[in-house]
Amino acid sequence: MAIKSLCPEAVLPDPAADRKESARVEQYRVSGAAIYFKSFPGEKYLPFYAVERAWAQKSKVSLTGCCGSELPVVILRVKYSGGFYRNFTFERKESAERVLAALREARPEVPQEPED
């Protein structure tokens, strides 16, 4: 099964080998070069060199049912080439911070705060 880049102009030379070196962070895989995620069909990745800005923010996911309760989550919001955005949802803030740390190590010049 092929692993495709979310950003067609930013493609890793061997994403399968890079993914093998990645670590699991909740439902995602993170390497020193990209974040990998399930997508139908197969899997996609966002290379860190395509990222223009990234930040973590608190959010909530509505639960269905009669209670109307919400589940707190952390959203990692990533802006990448072409002005596109992608949200990655995490249960714990520490998980989002691990991805931001990997991005910071690969690309220290990328801002890690929301746009004004």
Protein backbone atom coordinates (compact mmCIF):
# COMPACT_ATOMS: atom_id res chain seq x y z
CA MET A 1 0.00 0.00 0.00
CA ALA A 2 1.46 3.36 -1.02
CA ILE A 3 1.98 6.16 1.46
CA LYS A 4 1.05 9.48 -0.15
CA SER A 5 2.09 13.01 0.74
CA LEU A 6 -0.66 15.40 1.79
CA CYS A 7 1.30 18.07 -0.05
CA PRO A 8 2.05 16.96 -3.66
CA GLU A 9 4.98 19.38 -4.07
CA ALA A 10 6.66 18.07 -0.88
CA VAL A 11 7.46 14.37 -1.18
CA LEU A 12 9.92 12.38 0.91
CA PRO A 13 12.38 10.23 -1.10
CA ASP A 14 11.43 7.04 0.80
CA PRO A 15 8.38 7.53 3.05
CA ALA A 16 8.05 3.81 3.81
CA ALA A 17 11.56 3.67 5.28
CA ASP A 18 10.99 6.91 7.19
CA ARG A 19 7.73 5.56 8.61
CA LYS A 20 9.55 2.46 9.87
CA GLU A 21 11.77 4.77 11.94
CA SER A 22 8.76 6.68 13.34
CA ALA A 23 7.32 6.54 16.85
CA ARG A 24 3.66 6.13 17.73
CA VAL A 25 1.98 9.21 19.23
CA GLU A 26 -1.62 8.26 19.96
CA GLN A 27 -3.21 7.40 16.56
CA TYR A 28 -0.37 9.00 14.54
CA ARG A 29 3.22 8.08 13.68
CA VAL A 30 5.93 10.75 13.97
CA SER A 31 9.46 10.67 12.58
CA GLY A 32 12.13 13.32 12.32
CA ALA A 33 10.79 14.22 8.88
CA ALA A 34 6.99 13.84 8.91
CA ILE A 35 3.75 12.97 10.68
CA TYR A 36 1.86 9.94 9.32
CA PHE A 37 -1.89 9.35 9.62
CA LYS A 38 -4.54 6.93 8.40
CA SER A 39 -6.51 8.03 5.37
CA PHE A 40 -8.91 6.16 3.15
CA PRO A 41 -7.54 4.28 1.35
CA GLY A 42 -4.18 3.72 2.99
CA GLU A 43 -2.03 6.26 4.72
CA LYS A 44 -0.80 9.82 4.15
CA TYR A 45 1.93 11.97 5.63
CA LEU A 46 2.76 15.64 6.03
CA PRO A 47 6.49 16.33 5.62
CA PHE A 48 7.84 18.82 8.15
CA TYR A 49 9.60 20.79 5.42
CA ALA A 50 6.16 21.71 3.99
CA VAL A 51 4.95 23.13 7.34
CA GLU A 52 4.71 26.93 7.59
CA ARG A 53 3.18 27.24 11.09
CA ALA A 54 1.89 24.90 13.82
CA TRP A 55 0.34 25.27 17.27
CA ALA A 56 -1.65 23.33 19.84
CA GLN A 57 -5.01 24.55 21.16
CA LYS A 58 -7.64 23.19 23.52
CA SER A 59 -10.94 22.11 22.01
CA LYS A 60 -13.92 19.86 22.70
CA VAL A 61 -15.62 17.07 20.78
CA SER A 62 -19.35 16.68 21.24
CA LEU A 63 -20.51 13.27 22.33
CA THR A 64 -23.77 11.92 20.96
CA GLY A 65 -26.55 10.96 23.30
CA CYS A 66 -28.95 12.57 25.71
CA CYS A 67 -26.38 14.15 28.03
CA GLY A 68 -24.99 16.74 25.65
CA SER A 69 -21.56 16.33 27.22
CA GLU A 70 -18.28 17.18 25.53
CA LEU A 71 -14.92 15.47 25.59
CA PRO A 72 -11.88 17.78 26.01
CA VAL A 73 -9.19 17.28 23.35
CA VAL A 74 -6.12 19.08 22.04
CA ILE A 75 -5.98 20.10 18.39
CA LEU A 76 -2.63 20.45 16.67
CA ARG A 77 -3.37 22.95 13.90
CA VAL A 78 -0.82 22.89 11.07
CA LYS A 79 -0.57 25.33 8.18
CA TYR A 80 1.38 23.91 5.25
CA SER A 81 2.39 24.83 1.69
CA GLY A 82 -0.27 26.61 -0.33
CA GLY A 83 -1.98 28.10 2.73
CA PHE A 84 -3.80 24.84 3.57
CA TYR A 85 -4.53 23.70 7.13
CA ARG A 86 -4.72 20.26 8.72
CA ASN A 87 -5.96 19.46 12.23
CA PHE A 88 -4.56 16.56 14.23
CA THR A 89 -6.63 15.61 17.29
CA PHE A 90 -5.03 14.31 20.49
CA GLU A 91 -6.45 13.21 23.82
CA ARG A 92 -3.49 14.59 25.79
CA LYS A 93 -1.58 17.85 25.48
CA GLU A 94 1.71 15.98 26.02
CA SER A 95 1.12 14.07 22.78
CA ALA A 96 0.64 17.27 20.76
CA GLU A 97 3.75 18.70 22.44
CA ARG A 98 5.77 15.65 21.32
CA VAL A 99 4.83 16.35 17.70
CA LEU A 100 5.66 20.05 18.10
CA ALA A 101 9.04 19.07 19.60
CA ALA A 102 9.80 16.85 16.59
CA LEU A 103 8.83 19.71 14.26
CA ARG A 104 10.97 22.16 16.28
CA GLU A 105 13.96 19.83 16.01
CA ALA A 106 13.54 19.43 12.24
CA ARG A 107 12.55 23.05 11.49
CA PRO A 108 13.37 25.47 14.34
CA GLU A 109 12.40 28.47 12.20
CA VAL A 110 8.72 27.44 11.95
CA PRO A 111 6.52 29.58 14.25
CA GLN A 112 4.64 27.57 16.86
CA GLU A 113 1.93 30.02 17.81
CA PRO A 114 -1.39 30.98 16.18
CA GLU A 115 -1.56 33.63 13.51
CA ASP A 116 -2.72 37.09 14.50
